[in-house]
Amino acid sequence: MTLSVLGFHLTNILGLLLPLLIGVAYLTLAERKIMGAMQRRKGPDVVGLWGLFQPLADALKLLVKEAALPTVADIHLFVAAPMLTFVFAMLGWAALPLSEDALLVDIDLGILYIFATGSLGVYGIIIAGWASNSKYAFLGALRSTAQMVSYEVSIGLILISVLLCTGSLQLSAIVHAQESMWLVLPLFPITLLFYISCLAETNRAPFDLPEAEAELVAGYNVEYGSMGFALFFLGEYANMILMSAFLVVLFLGGWHAPLSIAPFTWVPGGVWYALKTLLLLLGYIWVRASLPRYRYDQLMALGWKVFLPLSLAWVVLLSGLLVGLDALPM
């Protein structure tokens, strides 16, 4: 590989990751502002005009803060765990088509790639809990691992339904298959299941059990501060954006406009993609501000006794219907 080709690839990667990190920073500000408005109080409004520099101030504080390493921790794994979580959160973006032209790598098995990189993120969490040598951190890591593994089962079955309708695991092909009709219309029940599963998969309210302050202080990252905490924080919010963008690709037509009429088609596809993703992220914030936290037994019962049977029944029903109508895509 020549230096010019390497430089081109590095430029593309930085062009994807830098806006993502800026988006993560301002998503935290939007969350605090919106939750403040929902709860009839002010959000951050001191640092900069309307508090717009608050994410930069938070990042600077975490960057210059001294890193405290527990004396009883396994130092090498303790330091590596947040890096693993952050790297796996970034890897999924490589195969995600942001518009018809904005795609880093067009992988034939794009769904499996994103599913695999998302699943690997659990290693950073379980390593962090074990390496901290703290009971609270370890219990939080076990909770998070069990929760993520449980809801990945129903997510996998939902992805099979998308595969049955489109006949492809390639994400760009799935978007093109929704040019005339978004999959959310025929598959609305499992779209809702997928969105709720995404809340559980990313450890967000009302399923943020690994960070239950009442019994576990702060969960698996209780011993982390400064940049270690920042990397976990960045990984969590990057995963929120990734799962929202993934749902847009699977069910909401990707970069396609809502209607094939002039006022909508004049807007670039990337803008439609961003608007749909922002709408789903607003749902994350709305749910956090509105709903109380589940008990852990309720969370696991919902995953194994409700979501798993429903998603499995939907796969059987959909495949039977497609075979009966001779409508399976070739």
C-alpha atoms as a PDB file:
ATOM      1  CA  MET A   1       0.000   0.000   0.000  1.00  0.00           C
ATOM      2  CA  THR A   2       1.485   3.339  -1.071  1.00  0.00           C
ATOM      3  CA  LEU A   3       1.684   6.347   1.216  1.00  0.00           C
ATOM      4  CA  SER A   4      -0.878   8.241  -0.851  1.00  0.00           C
ATOM      5  CA  VAL A   5      -3.425   5.420  -0.565  1.00  0.00           C
ATOM      6  CA  LEU A   6      -2.732   5.093   3.169  1.00  0.00           C
ATOM      7  CA  GLY A   7      -3.159   8.853   3.599  1.00  0.00           C
ATOM      8  CA  PHE A   8      -6.447   8.713   1.679  1.00  0.00           C
ATOM      9  CA  HIS A   9      -7.811   5.962   3.955  1.00  0.00           C
ATOM     10  CA  LEU A  10      -6.642   7.778   7.095  1.00  0.00           C
ATOM     11  CA  THR A  11      -8.348  10.956   5.891  1.00  0.00           C
ATOM     12  CA  ASN A  12     -11.609   9.060   5.348  1.00  0.00           C
ATOM     13  CA  ILE A  13     -11.395   7.464   8.796  1.00  0.00           C
ATOM     14  CA  LEU A  14     -10.713  10.787  10.521  1.00  0.00           C
ATOM     15  CA  GLY A  15     -13.481  12.398   8.465  1.00  0.00           C
ATOM     16  CA  LEU A  16     -15.864   9.827   9.949  1.00  0.00           C
ATOM     17  CA  LEU A  17     -14.596   9.691  13.551  1.00  0.00           C
ATOM     18  CA  LEU A  18     -14.036  13.392  14.289  1.00  0.00           C
ATOM     19  CA  PRO A  19     -17.640  14.454  13.488  1.00  0.00           C
ATOM     20  CA  LEU A  20     -18.822  11.423  15.461  1.00  0.00           C
ATOM     21  CA  LEU A  21     -16.871  12.474  18.563  1.00  0.00           C
ATOM     22  CA  ILE A  22     -18.162  16.046  18.230  1.00  0.00           C
ATOM     23  CA  GLY A  23     -21.675  14.627  17.843  1.00  0.00           C
ATOM     24  CA  VAL A  24     -21.222  12.553  21.017  1.00  0.00           C
ATOM     25  CA  ALA A  25     -20.068  15.649  22.923  1.00  0.00           C
ATOM     26  CA  TYR A  26     -23.062  17.727  21.874  1.00  0.00           C
ATOM     27  CA  LEU A  27     -25.473  14.829  22.351  1.00  0.00           C
ATOM     28  CA  THR A  28     -24.601  14.991  26.055  1.00  0.00           C
ATOM     29  CA  LEU A  29     -25.379  18.720  26.045  1.00  0.00           C
ATOM     30  CA  ALA A  30     -28.662  18.157  24.198  1.00  0.00           C
ATOM     31  CA  GLU A  31     -29.604  15.453  26.691  1.00  0.00           C
ATOM     32  CA  ARG A  32     -28.990  17.732  29.660  1.00  0.00           C
ATOM     33  CA  LYS A  33     -30.834  20.650  28.039  1.00  0.00           C
ATOM     34  CA  ILE A  34     -33.866  18.581  26.969  1.00  0.00           C
ATOM     35  CA  MET A  35     -34.129  16.770  30.305  1.00  0.00           C
ATOM     36  CA  GLY A  36     -33.888  20.121  32.056  1.00  0.00           C
ATOM     37  CA  ALA A  37     -36.770  21.474  29.974  1.00  0.00           C
ATOM     38  CA  MET A  38     -38.848  18.325  30.610  1.00  0.00           C
ATOM     39  CA  GLN A  39     -38.259  18.623  34.358  1.00  0.00           C
ATOM     40  CA  ARG A  40     -38.889  22.403  34.403  1.00  0.00           C
ATOM     41  CA  ARG A  41     -35.350  23.425  35.326  1.00  0.00           C
ATOM     42  CA  LYS A  42     -32.366  24.935  33.543  1.00  0.00           C
ATOM     43  CA  GLY A  43     -29.742  22.809  31.863  1.00  0.00           C
ATOM     44  CA  PRO A  44     -26.112  23.941  31.446  1.00  0.00           C
ATOM     45  CA  ASP A  45     -26.137  27.658  30.560  1.00  0.00           C
ATOM     46  CA  VAL A  46     -22.968  29.144  32.089  1.00  0.00           C
ATOM     47  CA  VAL A  47     -20.009  28.054  29.915  1.00  0.00           C
ATOM     48  CA  GLY A  48     -20.351  29.943  26.650  1.00  0.00           C
ATOM     49  CA  LEU A  49     -23.461  31.287  24.952  1.00  0.00           C
ATOM     50  CA  TRP A  50     -26.447  29.112  26.051  1.00  0.00           C
ATOM     51  CA  GLY A  51     -23.920  26.660  27.514  1.00  0.00           C
ATOM     52  CA  LEU A  52     -22.586  25.633  24.084  1.00  0.00           C
ATOM     53  CA  PHE A  53     -19.013  25.262  25.386  1.00  0.00           C
ATOM     54  CA  GLN A  54     -20.021  22.981  28.284  1.00  0.00           C
ATOM     55  CA  PRO A  55     -19.006  19.727  26.461  1.00  0.00           C
ATOM     56  CA  LEU A  56     -15.569  21.234  25.732  1.00  0.00           C
ATOM     57  CA  ALA A  57     -15.170  22.219  29.389  1.00  0.00           C
ATOM     58  CA  ASP A  58     -16.167  18.709  30.507  1.00  0.00           C
ATOM     59  CA  ALA A  59     -13.710  17.137  28.051  1.00  0.00           C
ATOM     60  CA  LEU A  60     -10.884  19.418  29.225  1.00  0.00           C
ATOM     61  CA  LYS A  61     -11.617  18.617  32.868  1.00  0.00           C
ATOM     62  CA  LEU A  62     -11.469  14.857  32.248  1.00  0.00           C
ATOM     63  CA  LEU A  63      -8.335  15.219  30.111  1.00  0.00           C
ATOM     64  CA  VAL A  64      -6.259  17.077  32.721  1.00  0.00           C
ATOM     65  CA  LYS A  65      -7.586  15.219  35.751  1.00  0.00           C
ATOM     66  CA  GLU A  66      -5.157  12.855  37.449  1.00  0.00           C
ATOM     67  CA  ALA A  67      -5.802   9.159  36.785  1.00  0.00           C
ATOM     68  CA  ALA A  68      -6.177   7.247  40.069  1.00  0.00           C
ATOM     69  CA  LEU A  69      -5.179   3.578  39.758  1.00  0.00           C
ATOM     70  CA  PRO A  70      -6.406   1.278  42.558  1.00  0.00           C
ATOM     71  CA  THR A  71      -3.531  -0.516  44.281  1.00  0.00           C
ATOM     72  CA  VAL A  72      -5.387  -3.853  44.284  1.00  0.00           C
ATOM     73  CA  ALA A  73      -6.391  -3.679  40.604  1.00  0.00           C
ATOM     74  CA  ASP A  74      -4.820  -5.562  37.704  1.00  0.00           C
ATOM     75  CA  ILE A  75      -3.300  -2.398  36.248  1.00  0.00           C
ATOM     76  CA  HIS A  76      -2.762  -3.565  32.666  1.00  0.00           C
ATOM     77  CA  LEU A  77      -6.303  -4.879  32.211  1.00  0.00           C
ATOM     78  CA  PHE A  78      -7.718  -1.960  34.197  1.00  0.00           C
ATOM     79  CA  VAL A  79      -6.173   0.520  31.750  1.00  0.00           C
ATOM     80  CA  ALA A  80      -6.966  -1.564  28.638  1.00  0.00           C
ATOM     81  CA  ALA A  81     -10.690  -2.131  29.386  1.00  0.00           C
ATOM     82  CA  PRO A  82     -12.005   1.386  28.564  1.00  0.00           C
ATOM     83  CA  MET A  83      -9.827   1.447  25.440  1.00  0.00           C
ATOM     84  CA  LEU A  84     -11.419  -1.818  24.258  1.00  0.00           C
ATOM     85  CA  THR A  85     -14.930  -0.491  24.840  1.00  0.00           C
ATOM     86  CA  PHE A  86     -14.167   2.713  22.951  1.00  0.00           C
ATOM     87  CA  VAL A  87     -12.461   0.966  20.004  1.00  0.00           C
ATOM     88  CA  PHE A  88     -15.291  -1.547  19.512  1.00  0.00           C
ATOM     89  CA  ALA A  89     -17.831   1.306  19.657  1.00  0.00           C
ATOM     90  CA  MET A  90     -15.945   3.035  16.821  1.00  0.00           C
ATOM     91  CA  LEU A  91     -15.422  -0.056  14.637  1.00  0.00           C
ATOM     92  CA  GLY A  92     -19.106  -0.512  13.836  1.00  0.00           C
ATOM     93  CA  TRP A  93     -19.234   2.797  11.956  1.00  0.00           C
ATOM     94  CA  ALA A  94     -16.922   1.498   9.217  1.00  0.00           C
ATOM     95  CA  ALA A  95     -19.707  -0.488   7.499  1.00  0.00           C
ATOM     96  CA  LEU A  96     -22.624   1.882   8.114  1.00  0.00           C
ATOM     97  CA  PRO A  97     -23.827   3.708   4.963  1.00  0.00           C
ATOM     98  CA  LEU A  98     -24.496   7.344   5.907  1.00  0.00           C
ATOM     99  CA  SER A  99     -25.701   8.239   2.407  1.00  0.00           C
ATOM    100  CA  GLU A 100     -25.515   6.800  -1.091  1.00  0.00           C
ATOM    101  CA  ASP A 101     -21.920   8.020  -1.476  1.00  0.00           C
ATOM    102  CA  ALA A 102     -20.719   8.249   2.145  1.00  0.00           C
ATOM    103  CA  LEU A 103     -19.636   4.710   3.002  1.00  0.00           C
ATOM    104  CA  LEU A 104     -16.221   3.721   4.324  1.00  0.00           C
ATOM    105  CA  VAL A 105     -16.405  -0.020   3.529  1.00  0.00           C
ATOM    106  CA  ASP A 106     -19.293  -1.738   1.713  1.00  0.00           C
ATOM    107  CA  ILE A 107     -19.222  -5.193   3.336  1.00  0.00           C
ATOM    108  CA  ASP A 108     -21.426  -7.984   1.948  1.00  0.00           C
ATOM    109  CA  LEU A 109     -22.091  -9.184   5.510  1.00  0.00           C
ATOM    110  CA  GLY A 110     -22.593  -5.697   6.945  1.00  0.00           C
ATOM    111  CA  ILE A 111     -25.315  -6.725   9.401  1.00  0.00           C
ATOM    112  CA  LEU A 112     -23.129  -9.468  10.865  1.00  0.00           C
ATOM    113  CA  TYR A 113     -20.155  -7.101  11.089  1.00  0.00           C
ATOM    114  CA  ILE A 114     -22.065  -4.501  13.138  1.00  0.00           C
ATOM    115  CA  PHE A 115     -23.690  -7.230  15.242  1.00  0.00           C
ATOM    116  CA  ALA A 116     -20.243  -8.762  15.937  1.00  0.00           C
ATOM    117  CA  THR A 117     -18.496  -5.489  16.837  1.00  0.00           C
ATOM    118  CA  GLY A 118     -21.395  -4.533  19.108  1.00  0.00           C
ATOM    119  CA  SER A 119     -21.188  -7.908  20.850  1.00  0.00           C
ATOM    120  CA  LEU A 120     -17.434  -7.585  21.403  1.00  0.00           C
ATOM    121  CA  GLY A 121     -17.978  -4.405  23.420  1.00  0.00           C
ATOM    122  CA  VAL A 122     -19.059  -6.542  26.364  1.00  0.00           C
ATOM    123  CA  TYR A 123     -15.443  -7.714  26.802  1.00  0.00           C
ATOM    124  CA  GLY A 124     -14.336  -4.237  27.820  1.00  0.00           C
ATOM    125  CA  ILE A 125     -17.089  -4.079  30.433  1.00  0.00           C
ATOM    126  CA  ILE A 126     -16.453  -7.504  31.973  1.00  0.00           C
ATOM    127  CA  ILE A 127     -12.676  -6.898  32.001  1.00  0.00           C
ATOM    128  CA  ALA A 128     -13.213  -3.531  33.723  1.00  0.00           C
ATOM    129  CA  GLY A 129     -15.361  -5.119  36.420  1.00  0.00           C
ATOM    130  CA  TRP A 130     -12.916  -7.956  37.052  1.00  0.00           C
ATOM    131  CA  ALA A 131      -9.706  -5.913  36.860  1.00  0.00           C
ATOM    132  CA  SER A 132     -11.017  -3.295  39.330  1.00  0.00           C
ATOM    133  CA  ASN A 133     -11.000  -5.957  42.081  1.00  0.00           C
ATOM    134  CA  SER A 134     -14.136  -4.355  43.560  1.00  0.00           C
ATOM    135  CA  LYS A 135     -17.335  -6.189  44.428  1.00  0.00           C
ATOM    136  CA  TYR A 136     -19.501  -3.313  43.220  1.00  0.00           C
ATOM    137  CA  ALA A 137     -17.685  -3.074  39.887  1.00  0.00           C
ATOM    138  CA  PHE A 138     -17.768  -6.845  39.366  1.00  0.00           C
ATOM    139  CA  LEU A 139     -21.497  -7.100  40.110  1.00  0.00           C
ATOM    140  CA  GLY A 140     -22.161  -4.216  37.724  1.00  0.00           C
ATOM    141  CA  ALA A 141     -20.094  -5.927  35.014  1.00  0.00           C
ATOM    142  CA  LEU A 142     -21.965  -9.220  35.486  1.00  0.00           C
ATOM    143  CA  ARG A 143     -25.305  -7.417  35.266  1.00  0.00           C
ATOM    144  CA  SER A 144     -24.255  -5.606  32.113  1.00  0.00           C
ATOM    145  CA  THR A 145     -22.924  -8.761  30.462  1.00  0.00           C
ATOM    146  CA  ALA A 146     -26.058 -10.780  31.213  1.00  0.00           C
ATOM    147  CA  GLN A 147     -28.267  -7.921  30.023  1.00  0.00           C
ATOM    148  CA  MET A 148     -26.414  -7.391  26.739  1.00  0.00           C
ATOM    149  CA  VAL A 149     -26.215 -11.108  25.923  1.00  0.00           C
ATOM    150  CA  SER A 150     -29.911 -11.600  26.722  1.00  0.00           C
ATOM    151  CA  TYR A 151     -31.163  -8.842  24.444  1.00  0.00           C
ATOM    152  CA  GLU A 152     -28.750  -9.735  21.631  1.00  0.00           C
ATOM    153  CA  VAL A 153     -30.746 -12.947  21.151  1.00  0.00           C
ATOM    154  CA  SER A 154     -33.958 -11.090  20.308  1.00  0.00           C
ATOM    155  CA  ILE A 155     -32.030  -8.543  18.210  1.00  0.00           C
ATOM    156  CA  GLY A 156     -30.556 -11.417  16.175  1.00  0.00           C
ATOM    157  CA  LEU A 157     -34.013 -12.862  15.476  1.00  0.00           C
ATOM    158  CA  ILE A 158     -35.281  -9.437  14.417  1.00  0.00           C
ATOM    159  CA  LEU A 159     -32.363  -9.131  11.994  1.00  0.00           C
ATOM    160  CA  ILE A 160     -33.417 -12.468  10.468  1.00  0.00           C
ATOM    161  CA  SER A 161     -36.817 -10.904   9.709  1.00  0.00           C
ATOM    162  CA  VAL A 162     -35.089  -8.046   7.852  1.00  0.00           C
ATOM    163  CA  LEU A 163     -32.979 -10.583   5.945  1.00  0.00           C
ATOM    164  CA  LEU A 164     -36.115 -12.509   4.917  1.00  0.00           C
ATOM    165  CA  CYS A 165     -37.710  -9.343   3.519  1.00  0.00           C
ATOM    166  CA  THR A 166     -34.669  -7.977   1.674  1.00  0.00           C
ATOM    167  CA  GLY A 167     -32.678 -11.105   0.787  1.00  0.00           C
ATOM    168  CA  SER A 168     -29.363  -9.452   1.663  1.00  0.00           C
ATOM    169  CA  LEU A 169     -27.017  -8.848   4.589  1.00  0.00           C
ATOM    170  CA  GLN A 170     -25.429  -5.882   2.797  1.00  0.00           C
ATOM    171  CA  LEU A 171     -26.573  -2.655   4.443  1.00  0.00           C
ATOM    172  CA  SER A 172     -26.576  -0.565   1.266  1.00  0.00           C
ATOM    173  CA  ALA A 173     -28.710  -3.234  -0.455  1.00  0.00           C
ATOM    174  CA  ILE A 174     -31.168  -3.167   2.472  1.00  0.00           C
ATOM    175  CA  VAL A 175     -31.527   0.613   2.084  1.00  0.00           C
ATOM    176  CA  HIS A 176     -32.073   0.293  -1.690  1.00  0.00           C
ATOM    177  CA  ALA A 177     -34.740  -2.360  -1.041  1.00  0.00           C
ATOM    178  CA  GLN A 178     -36.740   0.276   0.903  1.00  0.00           C
ATOM    179  CA  GLU A 179     -36.829   2.827  -1.910  1.00  0.00           C
ATOM    180  CA  SER A 180     -40.564   2.367  -2.493  1.00  0.00           C
ATOM    181  CA  MET A 181     -41.633   1.357   1.051  1.00  0.00           C
ATOM    182  CA  TRP A 182     -39.839   1.498   4.383  1.00  0.00           C
ATOM    183  CA  LEU A 183     -39.756  -1.769   6.328  1.00  0.00           C
ATOM    184  CA  VAL A 184     -41.189  -0.049   9.407  1.00  0.00           C
ATOM    185  CA  LEU A 185     -44.644  -0.251   7.781  1.00  0.00           C
ATOM    186  CA  PRO A 186     -44.932  -4.065   7.365  1.00  0.00           C
ATOM    187  CA  LEU A 187     -42.620  -4.785  10.322  1.00  0.00           C
ATOM    188  CA  PHE A 188     -43.819  -2.172  12.825  1.00  0.00           C
ATOM    189  CA  PRO A 189     -44.178  -4.536  15.851  1.00  0.00           C
ATOM    190  CA  ILE A 190     -40.604  -5.808  15.614  1.00  0.00           C
ATOM    191  CA  THR A 191     -39.319  -2.295  14.859  1.00  0.00           C
ATOM    192  CA  LEU A 192     -40.670  -1.342  18.269  1.00  0.00           C
ATOM    193  CA  LEU A 193     -39.091  -4.460  19.818  1.00  0.00           C
ATOM    194  CA  PHE A 194     -35.771  -3.583  18.171  1.00  0.00           C
ATOM    195  CA  TYR A 195     -35.844  -0.031  19.534  1.00  0.00           C
ATOM    196  CA  ILE A 196     -36.574  -1.207  23.081  1.00  0.00           C
ATOM    197  CA  SER A 197     -33.858  -3.867  22.754  1.00  0.00           C
ATOM    198  CA  CYS A 198     -31.448  -1.116  21.700  1.00  0.00           C
ATOM    199  CA  LEU A 199     -32.211   0.699  24.962  1.00  0.00           C
ATOM    200  CA  ALA A 200     -31.293  -2.453  26.897  1.00  0.00           C
ATOM    201  CA  GLU A 201     -28.267  -3.215  24.698  1.00  0.00           C
ATOM    202  CA  THR A 202     -26.767   0.217  25.322  1.00  0.00           C
ATOM    203  CA  ASN A 203     -27.557   0.123  29.080  1.00  0.00           C
ATOM    204  CA  ARG A 204     -29.839   3.140  28.839  1.00  0.00           C
ATOM    205  CA  ALA A 205     -32.808   4.044  31.039  1.00  0.00           C
ATOM    206  CA  PRO A 206     -35.096   2.410  32.018  1.00  0.00           C
ATOM    207  CA  PHE A 207     -32.668  -0.519  31.639  1.00  0.00           C
ATOM    208  CA  ASP A 208     -29.553   1.115  33.151  1.00  0.00           C
ATOM    209  CA  LEU A 209     -29.279  -1.565  35.834  1.00  0.00           C
ATOM    210  CA  PRO A 210     -25.466  -1.862  35.719  1.00  0.00           C
ATOM    211  CA  GLU A 211     -25.298   1.745  36.964  1.00  0.00           C
ATOM    212  CA  ALA A 212     -27.987   1.435  39.629  1.00  0.00           C
ATOM    213  CA  GLU A 213     -26.732   4.054  42.127  1.00  0.00           C
ATOM    214  CA  ALA A 214     -28.790   2.724  45.033  1.00  0.00           C
ATOM    215  CA  GLU A 215     -27.070  -0.667  45.213  1.00  0.00           C
ATOM    216  CA  LEU A 216     -23.989  -0.563  42.956  1.00  0.00           C
ATOM    217  CA  VAL A 217     -22.768   3.047  43.300  1.00  0.00           C
ATOM    218  CA  ALA A 218     -21.800   3.426  39.606  1.00  0.00           C
ATOM    219  CA  GLY A 219     -21.555  -0.118  38.268  1.00  0.00           C
ATOM    220  CA  TYR A 220     -18.575  -1.470  36.356  1.00  0.00           C
ATOM    221  CA  ASN A 221     -16.862   1.947  36.050  1.00  0.00           C
ATOM    222  CA  VAL A 222     -17.037   2.826  39.760  1.00  0.00           C
ATOM    223  CA  GLU A 223     -13.221   2.814  40.092  1.00  0.00           C
ATOM    224  CA  TYR A 224     -12.606   4.881  36.958  1.00  0.00           C
ATOM    225  CA  GLY A 225     -11.968   8.599  36.690  1.00  0.00           C
ATOM    226  CA  SER A 226     -10.368  11.043  34.243  1.00  0.00           C
ATOM    227  CA  MET A 227      -9.828   9.566  30.751  1.00  0.00           C
ATOM    228  CA  GLY A 228     -10.810   6.013  31.728  1.00  0.00           C
ATOM    229  CA  PHE A 229     -14.287   7.223  32.635  1.00  0.00           C
ATOM    230  CA  ALA A 230     -14.325   9.477  29.546  1.00  0.00           C
ATOM    231  CA  LEU A 231     -13.651   6.521  27.225  1.00  0.00           C
ATOM    232  CA  PHE A 232     -16.507   4.496  28.753  1.00  0.00           C
ATOM    233  CA  PHE A 233     -18.732   7.566  28.443  1.00  0.00           C
ATOM    234  CA  LEU A 234     -17.769   8.128  24.803  1.00  0.00           C
ATOM    235  CA  GLY A 235     -18.308   4.438  24.034  1.00  0.00           C
ATOM    236  CA  GLU A 236     -21.805   4.446  25.558  1.00  0.00           C
ATOM    237  CA  TYR A 237     -22.978   7.511  23.654  1.00  0.00           C
ATOM    238  CA  ALA A 238     -21.300   6.406  20.403  1.00  0.00           C
ATOM    239  CA  ASN A 239     -23.186   3.106  20.732  1.00  0.00           C
ATOM    240  CA  MET A 240     -26.440   5.038  21.210  1.00  0.00           C
ATOM    241  CA  ILE A 241     -25.853   6.913  17.946  1.00  0.00           C
ATOM    242  CA  LEU A 242     -24.711   3.716  16.188  1.00  0.00           C
ATOM    243  CA  MET A 243     -27.792   1.700  17.185  1.00  0.00           C
ATOM    244  CA  SER A 244     -30.093   4.574  16.200  1.00  0.00           C
ATOM    245  CA  ALA A 245     -28.370   4.893  12.807  1.00  0.00           C
ATOM    246  CA  PHE A 246     -28.509   1.082  12.413  1.00  0.00           C
ATOM    247  CA  LEU A 247     -32.273   1.137  13.037  1.00  0.00           C
ATOM    248  CA  VAL A 248     -32.655   3.876  10.410  1.00  0.00           C
ATOM    249  CA  VAL A 249     -30.860   1.653   7.868  1.00  0.00           C
ATOM    250  CA  LEU A 250     -32.890  -1.450   8.724  1.00  0.00           C
ATOM    251  CA  PHE A 251     -36.406  -0.028   9.062  1.00  0.00           C
ATOM    252  CA  LEU A 252     -36.597   3.682   8.166  1.00  0.00           C
ATOM    253  CA  GLY A 253     -35.240   3.672   4.635  1.00  0.00           C
ATOM    254  CA  GLY A 254     -31.748   4.989   5.367  1.00  0.00           C
ATOM    255  CA  TRP A 255     -31.126   8.099   3.274  1.00  0.00           C
ATOM    256  CA  HIS A 256     -34.423   7.847   1.344  1.00  0.00           C
ATOM    257  CA  ALA A 257     -36.915  10.693   1.744  1.00  0.00           C
ATOM    258  CA  PRO A 258     -40.316   9.957   3.367  1.00  0.00           C
ATOM    259  CA  LEU A 259     -42.252  10.648   0.150  1.00  0.00           C
ATOM    260  CA  SER A 260     -41.178  10.731  -3.496  1.00  0.00           C
ATOM    261  CA  ILE A 261     -42.422  14.270  -4.097  1.00  0.00           C
ATOM    262  CA  ALA A 262     -40.401  17.365  -4.962  1.00  0.00           C
ATOM    263  CA  PRO A 263     -40.151  19.193  -1.581  1.00  0.00           C
ATOM    264  CA  PHE A 264     -38.770  16.049   0.037  1.00  0.00           C
ATOM    265  CA  THR A 265     -36.499  14.794  -2.756  1.00  0.00           C
ATOM    266  CA  TRP A 266     -34.674  18.146  -2.970  1.00  0.00           C
ATOM    267  CA  VAL A 267     -33.239  17.561   0.519  1.00  0.00           C
ATOM    268  CA  PRO A 268     -29.955  15.563   0.359  1.00  0.00           C
ATOM    269  CA  GLY A 269     -30.124  11.938   1.507  1.00  0.00           C
ATOM    270  CA  GLY A 270     -27.539  12.474   4.248  1.00  0.00           C
ATOM    271  CA  VAL A 271     -29.764  15.151   5.813  1.00  0.00           C
ATOM    272  CA  TRP A 272     -32.744  12.771   5.925  1.00  0.00           C
ATOM    273  CA  TYR A 273     -30.509  10.114   7.484  1.00  0.00           C
ATOM    274  CA  ALA A 274     -29.323  12.553  10.180  1.00  0.00           C
ATOM    275  CA  LEU A 275     -32.857  13.779  10.931  1.00  0.00           C
ATOM    276  CA  LYS A 276     -34.183  10.234  11.414  1.00  0.00           C
ATOM    277  CA  THR A 277     -31.243   9.366  13.669  1.00  0.00           C
ATOM    278  CA  LEU A 278     -31.761  12.531  15.748  1.00  0.00           C
ATOM    279  CA  LEU A 279     -35.455  11.682  16.141  1.00  0.00           C
ATOM    280  CA  LEU A 280     -34.561   8.250  17.556  1.00  0.00           C
ATOM    281  CA  LEU A 281     -31.955   9.807  19.876  1.00  0.00           C
ATOM    282  CA  LEU A 282     -34.635  12.202  21.134  1.00  0.00           C
ATOM    283  CA  GLY A 283     -36.611   9.068  22.047  1.00  0.00           C
ATOM    284  CA  TYR A 284     -33.655   7.856  24.185  1.00  0.00           C
ATOM    285  CA  ILE A 285     -33.695  11.160  26.089  1.00  0.00           C
ATOM    286  CA  TRP A 286     -37.481  11.228  26.397  1.00  0.00           C
ATOM    287  CA  VAL A 287     -37.538   7.695  27.831  1.00  0.00           C
ATOM    288  CA  ARG A 288     -34.800   8.553  30.338  1.00  0.00           C
ATOM    289  CA  ALA A 289     -36.679  11.620  31.550  1.00  0.00           C
ATOM    290  CA  SER A 290     -40.039   9.828  31.769  1.00  0.00           C
ATOM    291  CA  LEU A 291     -39.694   6.230  32.970  1.00  0.00           C
ATOM    292  CA  PRO A 292     -38.452   4.758  36.256  1.00  0.00           C
ATOM    293  CA  ARG A 293     -35.749   2.102  36.314  1.00  0.00           C
ATOM    294  CA  TYR A 294     -36.760  -1.577  36.021  1.00  0.00           C
ATOM    295  CA  ARG A 295     -35.880  -4.116  38.672  1.00  0.00           C
ATOM    296  CA  TYR A 296     -33.247  -6.570  37.461  1.00  0.00           C
ATOM    297  CA  ASP A 297     -35.577  -9.582  37.555  1.00  0.00           C
ATOM    298  CA  GLN A 298     -38.154  -7.612  35.529  1.00  0.00           C
ATOM    299  CA  LEU A 299     -35.492  -6.722  32.976  1.00  0.00           C
ATOM    300  CA  MET A 300     -34.403 -10.331  32.444  1.00  0.00           C
ATOM    301  CA  ALA A 301     -37.993 -11.601  32.422  1.00  0.00           C
ATOM    302  CA  LEU A 302     -38.862  -9.053  29.724  1.00  0.00           C
ATOM    303  CA  GLY A 303     -35.951 -10.229  27.584  1.00  0.00           C
ATOM    304  CA  TRP A 304     -36.381 -14.001  27.918  1.00  0.00           C
ATOM    305  CA  LYS A 305     -40.149 -14.378  28.519  1.00  0.00           C
ATOM    306  CA  VAL A 306     -41.533 -11.621  26.278  1.00  0.00           C
ATOM    307  CA  PHE A 307     -39.089 -10.388  23.633  1.00  0.00           C
ATOM    308  CA  LEU A 308     -37.555 -13.767  22.751  1.00  0.00           C
ATOM    309  CA  PRO A 309     -40.910 -15.590  22.194  1.00  0.00           C
ATOM    310  CA  LEU A 310     -42.371 -12.624  20.301  1.00  0.00           C
ATOM    311  CA  SER A 311     -39.375 -12.211  17.977  1.00  0.00           C
ATOM    312  CA  LEU A 312     -39.168 -15.974  17.366  1.00  0.00           C
ATOM    313  CA  ALA A 313     -42.906 -16.171  16.622  1.00  0.00           C
ATOM    314  CA  TRP A 314     -42.572 -13.250  14.220  1.00  0.00           C
ATOM    315  CA  VAL A 315     -39.758 -15.000  12.306  1.00  0.00           C
ATOM    316  CA  VAL A 316     -41.882 -18.163  11.968  1.00  0.00           C
ATOM    317  CA  LEU A 317     -44.979 -16.185  10.930  1.00  0.00           C
ATOM    318  CA  LEU A 318     -43.114 -13.990   8.448  1.00  0.00           C
ATOM    319  CA  SER A 319     -41.189 -16.846   6.826  1.00  0.00           C
ATOM    320  CA  GLY A 320     -44.380 -18.918   6.521  1.00  0.00           C
ATOM    321  CA  LEU A 321     -46.213 -15.961   4.975  1.00  0.00           C
ATOM    322  CA  LEU A 322     -43.423 -15.240   2.476  1.00  0.00           C
ATOM    323  CA  VAL A 323     -43.159 -18.908   1.464  1.00  0.00           C
ATOM    324  CA  GLY A 324     -46.946 -19.197   1.149  1.00  0.00           C
ATOM    325  CA  LEU A 325     -47.134 -16.120  -1.069  1.00  0.00           C
ATOM    326  CA  ASP A 326     -43.995 -17.163  -2.983  1.00  0.00           C
ATOM    327  CA  ALA A 327     -42.586 -13.738  -2.126  1.00  0.00           C
ATOM    328  CA  LEU A 328     -39.135 -14.672  -0.805  1.00  0.00           C
ATOM    329  CA  PRO A 329     -36.497 -12.364  -2.377  1.00  0.00           C
ATOM    330  CA  MET A 330     -33.986 -14.161  -4.558  1.00  0.00           C
END
